[in-house]
Amino acid sequence: MSPRPRLVVALVVGSLLAVFLAYQALFNSGTLLVSVAQLRSDTDGAAQKQVTLTGTVVRASRTSDPMRFVLRDESSAQTVAVSYRGSVPDAFKTSNPRQGASRSD
């Protein structure tokens, strides 16, 4: 196979891959990103879907299955109780007790 047909095949395959990835990004986005207020008002049917919820953690339990915490909306006083199953996010992990300790010589 000469270099010219290889280039054409590579460009066609690359173009098809780019179109497929663009389609996946635009039309098959995974989860909605919603605030507590949007979840409470059920915007876009968010209360019945898997969503990524934004807010400030007010209270959290240290148990991990399921992890329970309360989120407050950043722009209002609305809160929502969350029961989360899965790997514990870094923000909820307890820090290493030796971390930040100073060493005296």
PDB file of N, CA and C in Angstrom:
ATOM      1  N   MET A   1       0.852  -1.171   0.000  1.00  0.00           N
ATOM      2  CA  MET A   1       0.000   0.000   0.000  1.00  0.00           C
ATOM      3  C   MET A   1       0.901   1.239   0.000  1.00  0.00           C
ATOM      4  N   SER A   2       0.652   2.112  -0.907  1.00  0.00           N
ATOM      5  CA  SER A   2       1.474   3.321  -1.001  1.00  0.00           C
ATOM      6  C   SER A   2       1.078   4.306   0.109  1.00  0.00           C
ATOM      7  N   PRO A   3       1.903   5.278   0.375  1.00  0.00           N
ATOM      8  CA  PRO A   3       1.623   6.225   1.462  1.00  0.00           C
ATOM      9  C   PRO A   3       0.334   7.031   1.271  1.00  0.00           C
ATOM     10  N   ARG A   4      -0.068   7.287   0.041  1.00  0.00           N
ATOM     11  CA  ARG A   4      -1.249   8.115  -0.214  1.00  0.00           C
ATOM     12  C   ARG A   4      -2.540   7.460   0.295  1.00  0.00           C
ATOM     13  N   PRO A   5      -2.841   6.189  -0.058  1.00  0.00           N
ATOM     14  CA  PRO A   5      -4.062   5.566   0.463  1.00  0.00           C
ATOM     15  C   PRO A   5      -4.027   5.399   1.992  1.00  0.00           C
ATOM     16  N   ARG A   6      -2.863   5.172   2.560  1.00  0.00           N
ATOM     17  CA  ARG A   6      -2.764   5.051   4.025  1.00  0.00           C
ATOM     18  C   ARG A   6      -3.158   6.361   4.697  1.00  0.00           C
ATOM     19  N   LEU A   7      -2.716   7.458   4.110  1.00  0.00           N
ATOM     20  CA  LEU A   7      -3.050   8.768   4.651  1.00  0.00           C
ATOM     21  C   LEU A   7      -4.559   9.007   4.582  1.00  0.00           C
ATOM     22  N   VAL A   8      -5.163   8.648   3.450  1.00  0.00           N
ATOM     23  CA  VAL A   8      -6.606   8.835   3.283  1.00  0.00           C
ATOM     24  C   VAL A   8      -7.363   7.985   4.297  1.00  0.00           C
ATOM     25  N   VAL A   9      -6.961   6.734   4.483  1.00  0.00           N
ATOM     26  CA  VAL A   9      -7.625   5.849   5.450  1.00  0.00           C
ATOM     27  C   VAL A   9      -7.462   6.407   6.861  1.00  0.00           C
ATOM     28  N   ALA A  10      -6.279   6.856   7.199  1.00  0.00           N
ATOM     29  CA  ALA A  10      -6.035   7.411   8.529  1.00  0.00           C
ATOM     30  C   ALA A  10      -6.881   8.664   8.773  1.00  0.00           C
ATOM     31  N   LEU A  11      -6.994   9.519   7.759  1.00  0.00           N
ATOM     32  CA  LEU A  11      -7.810  10.725   7.902  1.00  0.00           C
ATOM     33  C   LEU A  11      -9.295  10.399   8.049  1.00  0.00           C
ATOM     34  N   VAL A  12      -9.781   9.417   7.304  1.00  0.00           N
ATOM     35  CA  VAL A  12     -11.184   9.010   7.409  1.00  0.00           C
ATOM     36  C   VAL A  12     -11.463   8.435   8.795  1.00  0.00           C
ATOM     37  N   VAL A  13     -10.594   7.545   9.263  1.00  0.00           N
ATOM     38  CA  VAL A  13     -10.779   6.945  10.585  1.00  0.00           C
ATOM     39  C   VAL A  13     -10.710   8.019  11.668  1.00  0.00           C
ATOM     40  N   GLY A  14      -9.752   8.933  11.560  1.00  0.00           N
ATOM     41  CA  GLY A  14      -9.641  10.025  12.524  1.00  0.00           C
ATOM     42  C   GLY A  14     -10.863  10.925  12.524  1.00  0.00           C
ATOM     43  N   SER A  15     -11.391  11.219  11.351  1.00  0.00           N
ATOM     44  CA  SER A  15     -12.587  12.054  11.246  1.00  0.00           C
ATOM     45  C   SER A  15     -13.796  11.374  11.861  1.00  0.00           C
ATOM     46  N   LEU A  16     -13.956  10.075  11.591  1.00  0.00           N
ATOM     47  CA  LEU A  16     -15.076   9.335  12.176  1.00  0.00           C
ATOM     48  C   LEU A  16     -14.973   9.296  13.698  1.00  0.00           C
ATOM     49  N   LEU A  17     -13.776   9.108  14.207  1.00  0.00           N
ATOM     50  CA  LEU A  17     -13.573   9.092  15.651  1.00  0.00           C
ATOM     51  C   LEU A  17     -13.906  10.451  16.262  1.00  0.00           C
ATOM     52  N   ALA A  18     -13.483  11.522  15.609  1.00  0.00           N
ATOM     53  CA  ALA A  18     -13.772  12.866  16.113  1.00  0.00           C
ATOM     54  C   ALA A  18     -15.278  13.140  16.132  1.00  0.00           C
ATOM     55  N   VAL A  19     -15.985  12.742  15.086  1.00  0.00           N
ATOM     56  CA  VAL A  19     -17.434  12.931  15.027  1.00  0.00           C
ATOM     57  C   VAL A  19     -18.114  12.111  16.121  1.00  0.00           C
ATOM     58  N   PHE A  20     -17.694  10.877  16.320  1.00  0.00           N
ATOM     59  CA  PHE A  20     -18.272  10.028  17.360  1.00  0.00           C
ATOM     60  C   PHE A  20     -18.064  10.640  18.744  1.00  0.00           C
ATOM     61  N   LEU A  21     -16.848  11.112  19.032  1.00  0.00           N
ATOM     62  CA  LEU A  21     -16.575  11.705  20.342  1.00  0.00           C
ATOM     63  C   LEU A  21     -17.370  12.991  20.558  1.00  0.00           C
ATOM     64  N   ALA A  22     -17.513  13.791  19.527  1.00  0.00           N
ATOM     65  CA  ALA A  22     -18.306  15.015  19.640  1.00  0.00           C
ATOM     66  C   ALA A  22     -19.777  14.674  19.903  1.00  0.00           C
ATOM     67  N   TYR A  23     -20.296  13.668  19.227  1.00  0.00           N
ATOM     68  CA  TYR A  23     -21.678  13.239  19.433  1.00  0.00           C
ATOM     69  C   TYR A  23     -21.875  12.757  20.869  1.00  0.00           C
ATOM     70  N   GLN A  24     -20.951  11.935  21.368  1.00  0.00           N
ATOM     71  CA  GLN A  24     -21.045  11.428  22.735  1.00  0.00           C
ATOM     72  C   GLN A  24     -21.023  12.573  23.747  1.00  0.00           C
ATOM     73  N   ALA A  25     -20.184  13.560  23.519  1.00  0.00           N
ATOM     74  CA  ALA A  25     -20.064  14.679  24.453  1.00  0.00           C
ATOM     75  C   ALA A  25     -21.318  15.552  24.457  1.00  0.00           C
ATOM     76  N   LEU A  26     -21.919  15.751  23.295  1.00  0.00           N
ATOM     77  CA  LEU A  26     -23.070  16.645  23.205  1.00  0.00           C
ATOM     78  C   LEU A  26     -24.394  15.999  23.589  1.00  0.00           C
ATOM     79  N   PHE A  27     -24.600  14.753  23.192  1.00  0.00           N
ATOM     80  CA  PHE A  27     -25.921  14.166  23.351  1.00  0.00           C
ATOM     81  C   PHE A  27     -26.025  13.090  24.423  1.00  0.00           C
ATOM     82  N   ASN A  28     -24.930  12.606  24.919  1.00  0.00           N
ATOM     83  CA  ASN A  28     -24.983  11.555  25.933  1.00  0.00           C
ATOM     84  C   ASN A  28     -24.259  11.961  27.204  1.00  0.00           C
ATOM     85  N   SER A  29     -24.408  13.226  27.585  1.00  0.00           N
ATOM     86  CA  SER A  29     -23.742  13.644  28.814  1.00  0.00           C
ATOM     87  C   SER A  29     -24.339  12.866  29.976  1.00  0.00           C
ATOM     88  N   GLY A  30     -23.487  12.414  30.867  1.00  0.00           N
ATOM     89  CA  GLY A  30     -23.870  11.482  31.921  1.00  0.00           C
ATOM     90  C   GLY A  30     -24.886  11.999  32.913  1.00  0.00           C
ATOM     91  N   THR A  31     -24.492  12.881  33.792  1.00  0.00           N
ATOM     92  CA  THR A  31     -25.378  13.309  34.858  1.00  0.00           C
ATOM     93  C   THR A  31     -25.567  14.817  34.840  1.00  0.00           C
ATOM     94  N   LEU A  32     -26.693  15.243  35.381  1.00  0.00           N
ATOM     95  CA  LEU A  32     -26.975  16.668  35.483  1.00  0.00           C
ATOM     96  C   LEU A  32     -26.196  17.263  36.646  1.00  0.00           C
ATOM     97  N   LEU A  33     -25.755  18.492  36.518  1.00  0.00           N
ATOM     98  CA  LEU A  33     -25.128  19.238  37.593  1.00  0.00           C
ATOM     99  C   LEU A  33     -26.181  20.205  38.107  1.00  0.00           C
ATOM    100  N   VAL A  34     -26.663  19.971  39.344  1.00  0.00           N
ATOM    101  CA  VAL A  34     -27.751  20.786  39.887  1.00  0.00           C
ATOM    102  C   VAL A  34     -27.402  21.301  41.275  1.00  0.00           C
ATOM    103  N   SER A  35     -28.019  22.395  41.640  1.00  0.00           N
ATOM    104  CA  SER A  35     -27.873  22.934  42.990  1.00  0.00           C
ATOM    105  C   SER A  35     -28.990  22.356  43.856  1.00  0.00           C
ATOM    106  N   VAL A  36     -28.889  22.592  45.147  1.00  0.00           N
ATOM    107  CA  VAL A  36     -29.920  22.116  46.079  1.00  0.00           C
ATOM    108  C   VAL A  36     -31.261  22.742  45.732  1.00  0.00           C
ATOM    109  N   ALA A  37     -31.261  24.034  45.407  1.00  0.00           N
ATOM    110  CA  ALA A  37     -32.512  24.718  45.052  1.00  0.00           C
ATOM    111  C   ALA A  37     -33.141  24.116  43.794  1.00  0.00           C
ATOM    112  N   GLN A  38     -32.319  23.788  42.795  1.00  0.00           N
ATOM    113  CA  GLN A  38     -32.845  23.172  41.576  1.00  0.00           C
ATOM    114  C   GLN A  38     -33.411  21.790  41.869  1.00  0.00           C
ATOM    115  N   LEU A  39     -32.749  21.046  42.749  1.00  0.00           N
ATOM    116  CA  LEU A  39     -33.248  19.720  43.112  1.00  0.00           C
ATOM    117  C   LEU A  39     -34.574  19.841  43.839  1.00  0.00           C
ATOM    118  N   ARG A  40     -34.673  20.798  44.758  1.00  0.00           N
ATOM    119  CA  ARG A  40     -35.919  21.006  45.511  1.00  0.00           C
ATOM    120  C   ARG A  40     -37.066  21.426  44.595  1.00  0.00           C
ATOM    121  N   SER A  41     -36.772  22.240  43.583  1.00  0.00           N
ATOM    122  CA  SER A  41     -37.833  22.677  42.666  1.00  0.00           C
ATOM    123  C   SER A  41     -38.080  21.656  41.563  1.00  0.00           C
ATOM    124  N   ASP A  42     -37.293  20.586  41.546  1.00  0.00           N
ATOM    125  CA  ASP A  42     -37.405  19.497  40.571  1.00  0.00           C
ATOM    126  C   ASP A  42     -37.211  19.990  39.137  1.00  0.00           C
ATOM    127  N   THR A  43     -36.243  20.887  38.943  1.00  0.00           N
ATOM    128  CA  THR A  43     -35.911  21.377  37.614  1.00  0.00           C
ATOM    129  C   THR A  43     -35.391  20.227  36.759  1.00  0.00           C
ATOM    130  N   ASP A  44     -35.906  20.078  35.563  1.00  0.00           N
ATOM    131  CA  ASP A  44     -35.508  19.031  34.614  1.00  0.00           C
ATOM    132  C   ASP A  44     -35.729  17.624  35.157  1.00  0.00           C
ATOM    133  N   GLY A  45     -36.646  17.458  36.094  1.00  0.00           N
ATOM    134  CA  GLY A  45     -36.897  16.133  36.651  1.00  0.00           C
ATOM    135  C   GLY A  45     -35.713  15.598  37.435  1.00  0.00           C
ATOM    136  N   ALA A  46     -34.929  16.497  38.008  1.00  0.00           N
ATOM    137  CA  ALA A  46     -33.687  16.116  38.687  1.00  0.00           C
ATOM    138  C   ALA A  46     -33.923  15.201  39.879  1.00  0.00           C
ATOM    139  N   ALA A  47     -35.082  15.300  40.514  1.00  0.00           N
ATOM    140  CA  ALA A  47     -35.349  14.482  41.705  1.00  0.00           C
ATOM    141  C   ALA A  47     -35.465  12.997  41.362  1.00  0.00           C
ATOM    142  N   GLN A  48     -35.724  12.665  40.107  1.00  0.00           N
ATOM    143  CA  GLN A  48     -35.846  11.270  39.696  1.00  0.00           C
ATOM    144  C   GLN A  48     -34.638  10.772  38.914  1.00  0.00           C
ATOM    145  N   LYS A  49     -33.566  11.540  38.845  1.00  0.00           N
ATOM    146  CA  LYS A  49     -32.396  11.167  38.056  1.00  0.00           C
ATOM    147  C   LYS A  49     -31.154  11.108  38.936  1.00  0.00           C
ATOM    148  N   GLN A  50     -30.122  10.465  38.411  1.00  0.00           N
ATOM    149  CA  GLN A  50     -28.831  10.507  39.063  1.00  0.00           C
ATOM    150  C   GLN A  50     -28.199  11.842  38.701  1.00  0.00           C
ATOM    151  N   VAL A  51     -27.809  12.614  39.722  1.00  0.00           N
ATOM    152  CA  VAL A  51     -27.300  13.963  39.487  1.00  0.00           C
ATOM    153  C   VAL A  51     -25.996  14.175  40.250  1.00  0.00           C
ATOM    154  N   THR A  52     -25.275  15.195  39.832  1.00  0.00           N
ATOM    155  CA  THR A  52     -24.153  15.705  40.605  1.00  0.00           C
ATOM    156  C   THR A  52     -24.678  16.929  41.322  1.00  0.00           C
ATOM    157  N   LEU A  53     -24.671  16.881  42.642  1.00  0.00           N
ATOM    158  CA  LEU A  53     -25.305  17.909  43.457  1.00  0.00           C
ATOM    159  C   LEU A  53     -24.252  18.859  44.009  1.00  0.00           C
ATOM    160  N   THR A  54     -24.485  20.159  43.869  1.00  0.00           N
ATOM    161  CA  THR A  54     -23.557  21.152  44.397  1.00  0.00           C
ATOM    162  C   THR A  54     -24.149  21.796  45.632  1.00  0.00           C
ATOM    163  N   GLY A  55     -23.304  22.154  46.567  1.00  0.00           N
ATOM    164  CA  GLY A  55     -23.748  22.811  47.791  1.00  0.00           C
ATOM    165  C   GLY A  55     -22.668  22.728  48.843  1.00  0.00           C
ATOM    166  N   THR A  56     -22.989  23.248  50.018  1.00  0.00           N
ATOM    167  CA  THR A  56     -22.066  23.255  51.143  1.00  0.00           C
ATOM    168  C   THR A  56     -22.513  22.202  52.149  1.00  0.00           C
ATOM    169  N   VAL A  57     -21.582  21.380  52.608  1.00  0.00           N
ATOM    170  CA  VAL A  57     -21.915  20.349  53.586  1.00  0.00           C
ATOM    171  C   VAL A  57     -22.148  21.016  54.936  1.00  0.00           C
ATOM    172  N   VAL A  58     -23.332  20.741  55.520  1.00  0.00           N
ATOM    173  CA  VAL A  58     -23.683  21.302  56.816  1.00  0.00           C
ATOM    174  C   VAL A  58     -23.381  20.285  57.922  1.00  0.00           C
ATOM    175  N   ARG A  59     -23.813  19.055  57.732  1.00  0.00           N
ATOM    176  CA  ARG A  59     -23.571  17.973  58.680  1.00  0.00           C
ATOM    177  C   ARG A  59     -23.199  16.735  57.903  1.00  0.00           C
ATOM    178  N   ALA A  60     -22.341  15.907  58.500  1.00  0.00           N
ATOM    179  CA  ALA A  60     -21.961  14.655  57.843  1.00  0.00           C
ATOM    180  C   ALA A  60     -21.722  13.593  58.893  1.00  0.00           C
ATOM    181  N   SER A  61     -22.098  12.352  58.565  1.00  0.00           N
ATOM    182  CA  SER A  61     -21.810  11.232  59.449  1.00  0.00           C
ATOM    183  C   SER A  61     -20.482  10.626  59.032  1.00  0.00           C
ATOM    184  N   ARG A  62     -19.837   9.940  59.935  1.00  0.00           N
ATOM    185  CA  ARG A  62     -18.551   9.319  59.632  1.00  0.00           C
ATOM    186  C   ARG A  62     -18.709   7.868  59.205  1.00  0.00           C
ATOM    187  N   THR A  63     -19.932   7.376  59.180  1.00  0.00           N
ATOM    188  CA  THR A  63     -20.130   6.017  58.689  1.00  0.00           C
ATOM    189  C   THR A  63     -20.045   6.039  57.178  1.00  0.00           C
ATOM    190  N   SER A  64     -19.647   4.910  56.595  1.00  0.00           N
ATOM    191  CA  SER A  64     -19.391   4.948  55.159  1.00  0.00           C
ATOM    192  C   SER A  64     -20.376   4.153  54.311  1.00  0.00           C
ATOM    193  N   ASP A  65     -21.315   3.414  54.902  1.00  0.00           N
ATOM    194  CA  ASP A  65     -22.215   2.638  54.043  1.00  0.00           C
ATOM    195  C   ASP A  65     -23.632   2.668  54.557  1.00  0.00           C
ATOM    196  N   PRO A  66     -24.517   3.481  54.098  1.00  0.00           N
ATOM    197  CA  PRO A  66     -24.258   4.619  53.209  1.00  0.00           C
ATOM    198  C   PRO A  66     -23.784   5.833  53.998  1.00  0.00           C
ATOM    199  N   MET A  67     -23.042   6.681  53.346  1.00  0.00           N
ATOM    200  CA  MET A  67     -22.610   7.930  53.968  1.00  0.00           C
ATOM    201  C   MET A  67     -23.789   8.893  53.918  1.00  0.00           C
ATOM    202  N   ARG A  68     -24.070   9.528  55.033  1.00  0.00           N
ATOM    203  CA  ARG A  68     -25.198  10.469  55.087  1.00  0.00           C
ATOM    204  C   ARG A  68     -24.680  11.859  55.427  1.00  0.00           C
ATOM    205  N   PHE A  69     -25.195  12.845  54.698  1.00  0.00           N
ATOM    206  CA  PHE A  69     -24.828  14.229  54.978  1.00  0.00           C
ATOM    207  C   PHE A  69     -25.923  15.153  54.491  1.00  0.00           C
ATOM    208  N   VAL A  70     -25.860  16.394  54.951  1.00  0.00           N
ATOM    209  CA  VAL A  70     -26.846  17.412  54.581  1.00  0.00           C
ATOM    210  C   VAL A  70     -26.115  18.504  53.806  1.00  0.00           C
ATOM    211  N   LEU A  71     -26.669  18.854  52.647  1.00  0.00           N
ATOM    212  CA  LEU A  71     -26.113  19.933  51.821  1.00  0.00           C
ATOM    213  C   LEU A  71     -27.015  21.155  51.894  1.00  0.00           C
ATOM    214  N   ARG A  72     -26.404  22.342  51.937  1.00  0.00           N
ATOM    215  CA  ARG A  72     -27.137  23.607  51.918  1.00  0.00           C
ATOM    216  C   ARG A  72     -26.829  24.322  50.612  1.00  0.00           C
ATOM    217  N   ASP A  73     -27.836  24.905  50.034  1.00  0.00           N
ATOM    218  CA  ASP A  73     -27.656  25.679  48.806  1.00  0.00           C
ATOM    219  C   ASP A  73     -26.842  26.923  49.111  1.00  0.00           C
ATOM    220  N   GLU A  74     -25.941  27.290  48.214  1.00  0.00           N
ATOM    221  CA  GLU A  74     -25.058  28.428  48.439  1.00  0.00           C
ATOM    222  C   GLU A  74     -25.772  29.769  48.323  1.00  0.00           C
ATOM    223  N   SER A  75     -26.907  29.811  47.624  1.00  0.00           N
ATOM    224  CA  SER A  75     -27.601  31.077  47.423  1.00  0.00           C
ATOM    225  C   SER A  75     -28.906  31.181  48.205  1.00  0.00           C
ATOM    226  N   SER A  76     -29.283  30.132  48.912  1.00  0.00           N
ATOM    227  CA  SER A  76     -30.512  30.177  49.709  1.00  0.00           C
ATOM    228  C   SER A  76     -30.308  29.335  50.967  1.00  0.00           C
ATOM    229  N   ALA A  77     -31.307  29.263  51.781  1.00  0.00           N
ATOM    230  CA  ALA A  77     -31.217  28.491  53.023  1.00  0.00           C
ATOM    231  C   ALA A  77     -31.743  27.061  52.845  1.00  0.00           C
ATOM    232  N   GLN A  78     -32.043  26.657  51.636  1.00  0.00           N
ATOM    233  CA  GLN A  78     -32.594  25.326  51.414  1.00  0.00           C
ATOM    234  C   GLN A  78     -31.540  24.254  51.656  1.00  0.00           C
ATOM    235  N   THR A  79     -31.988  23.141  52.232  1.00  0.00           N
ATOM    236  CA  THR A  79     -31.088  22.013  52.488  1.00  0.00           C
ATOM    237  C   THR A  79     -31.709  20.740  51.933  1.00  0.00           C
ATOM    238  N   VAL A  80     -30.861  19.736  51.777  1.00  0.00           N
ATOM    239  CA  VAL A  80     -31.328  18.423  51.340  1.00  0.00           C
ATOM    240  C   VAL A  80     -30.459  17.360  52.015  1.00  0.00           C
ATOM    241  N   ALA A  81     -31.114  16.309  52.496  1.00  0.00           N
ATOM    242  CA  ALA A  81     -30.391  15.190  53.095  1.00  0.00           C
ATOM    243  C   ALA A  81     -29.952  14.247  51.977  1.00  0.00           C
ATOM    244  N   VAL A  82     -28.711  13.771  52.052  1.00  0.00           N
ATOM    245  CA  VAL A  82     -28.143  12.921  51.013  1.00  0.00           C
ATOM    246  C   VAL A  82     -27.699  11.607  51.637  1.00  0.00           C
ATOM    247  N   SER A  83     -28.024  10.521  50.974  1.00  0.00           N
ATOM    248  CA  SER A  83     -27.536   9.198  51.337  1.00  0.00           C
ATOM    249  C   SER A  83     -26.685   8.733  50.167  1.00  0.00           C
ATOM    250  N   TYR A  84     -25.381   8.591  50.400  1.00  0.00           N
ATOM    251  CA  TYR A  84     -24.430   8.344  49.317  1.00  0.00           C
ATOM    252  C   TYR A  84     -23.790   6.975  49.463  1.00  0.00           C
ATOM    253  N   ARG A  85     -23.806   6.200  48.395  1.00  0.00           N
ATOM    254  CA  ARG A  85     -23.111   4.914  48.346  1.00  0.00           C
ATOM    255  C   ARG A  85     -22.021   5.008  47.295  1.00  0.00           C
ATOM    256  N   GLY A  86     -20.874   4.471  47.604  1.00  0.00           N
ATOM    257  CA  GLY A  86     -19.753   4.515  46.676  1.00  0.00           C
ATOM    258  C   GLY A  86     -18.485   4.834  47.427  1.00  0.00           C
ATOM    259  N   SER A  87     -17.430   5.079  46.671  1.00  0.00           N
ATOM    260  CA  SER A  87     -16.164   5.408  47.319  1.00  0.00           C
ATOM    261  C   SER A  87     -16.283   6.772  47.988  1.00  0.00           C
ATOM    262  N   VAL A  88     -15.656   6.902  49.137  1.00  0.00           N
ATOM    263  CA  VAL A  88     -15.737   8.135  49.904  1.00  0.00           C
ATOM    264  C   VAL A  88     -14.911   9.216  49.210  1.00  0.00           C
ATOM    265  N   PRO A  89     -15.531  10.361  48.894  1.00  0.00           N
ATOM    266  CA  PRO A  89     -14.796  11.446  48.253  1.00  0.00           C
ATOM    267  C   PRO A  89     -13.681  11.960  49.171  1.00  0.00           C
ATOM    268  N   ASP A  90     -12.616  12.496  48.583  1.00  0.00           N
ATOM    269  CA  ASP A  90     -11.481  12.994  49.355  1.00  0.00           C
ATOM    270  C   ASP A  90     -11.893  14.037  50.386  1.00  0.00           C
ATOM    271  N   ALA A  91     -12.877  14.857  50.077  1.00  0.00           N
ATOM    272  CA  ALA A  91     -13.300  15.905  50.995  1.00  0.00           C
ATOM    273  C   ALA A  91     -13.855  15.342  52.300  1.00  0.00           C
ATOM    274  N   PHE A  92     -14.305  14.085  52.286  1.00  0.00           N
ATOM    275  CA  PHE A  92     -14.891  13.479  53.473  1.00  0.00           C
ATOM    276  C   PHE A  92     -13.931  12.554  54.217  1.00  0.00           C
ATOM    277  N   LYS A  93     -12.780  12.304  53.646  1.00  0.00           N
ATOM    278  CA  LYS A  93     -11.832  11.406  54.293  1.00  0.00           C
ATOM    279  C   LYS A  93     -11.174  12.108  55.474  1.00  0.00           C
ATOM    280  N   THR A  94     -10.946  11.338  56.536  1.00  0.00           N
ATOM    281  CA  THR A  94     -10.256  11.922  57.684  1.00  0.00           C
ATOM    282  C   THR A  94      -8.787  12.046  57.334  1.00  0.00           C
ATOM    283  N   SER A  95      -8.170  13.108  57.798  1.00  0.00           N
ATOM    284  CA  SER A  95      -6.764  13.337  57.462  1.00  0.00           C
ATOM    285  C   SER A  95      -5.867  12.433  58.283  1.00  0.00           C
ATOM    286  N   ASN A  96      -4.680  12.237  57.773  1.00  0.00           N
ATOM    287  CA  ASN A  96      -3.672  11.443  58.452  1.00  0.00           C
ATOM    288  C   ASN A  96      -3.279  12.175  59.736  1.00  0.00           C
ATOM    289  N   PRO A  97      -3.322  11.518  60.914  1.00  0.00           N
ATOM    290  CA  PRO A  97      -3.022  12.224  62.155  1.00  0.00           C
ATOM    291  C   PRO A  97      -1.591  12.754  62.211  1.00  0.00           C
ATOM    292  N   ARG A  98      -0.682  12.167  61.446  1.00  0.00           N
ATOM    293  CA  ARG A  98       0.703  12.637  61.449  1.00  0.00           C
ATOM    294  C   ARG A  98       0.908  13.788  60.480  1.00  0.00           C
ATOM    295  N   GLN A  99      -0.052  13.999  59.622  1.00  0.00           N
ATOM    296  CA  GLN A  99       0.078  15.062  58.635  1.00  0.00           C
ATOM    297  C   GLN A  99       0.068  16.417  59.353  1.00  0.00           C
ATOM    298  N   GLY A 100       0.999  17.248  59.018  1.00  0.00           N
ATOM    299  CA  GLY A 100       1.055  18.569  59.609  1.00  0.00           C
ATOM    300  C   GLY A 100       1.814  18.601  60.930  1.00  0.00           C
ATOM    301  N   ALA A 101       2.233  17.452  61.432  1.00  0.00           N
ATOM    302  CA  ALA A 101       2.975  17.422  62.691  1.00  0.00           C
ATOM    303  C   ALA A 101       4.381  17.937  62.448  1.00  0.00           C
ATOM    304  N   SER A 102       4.850  18.719  63.373  1.00  0.00           N
ATOM    305  CA  SER A 102       6.211  19.243  63.224  1.00  0.00           C
ATOM    306  C   SER A 102       7.186  18.330  63.935  1.00  0.00           C
ATOM    307  N   ARG A 103       8.411  18.344  63.460  1.00  0.00           N
ATOM    308  CA  ARG A 103       9.459  17.491  64.035  1.00  0.00           C
ATOM    309  C   ARG A 103      10.461  18.388  64.753  1.00  0.00           C
ATOM    310  N   SER A 104      10.716  18.087  65.982  1.00  0.00           N
ATOM    311  CA  SER A 104      11.712  18.879  66.708  1.00  0.00           C
ATOM    312  C   SER A 104      13.002  18.096  66.817  1.00  0.00           C
ATOM    313  N   ASP A 105      14.100  18.724  66.511  1.00  0.00           N
ATOM    314  CA  ASP A 105      15.412  18.051  66.567  1.00  0.00           C
ATOM    315  C   ASP A 105      16.111  18.340  67.864  1.00  0.00           C
TER     316      ASP A 105
END
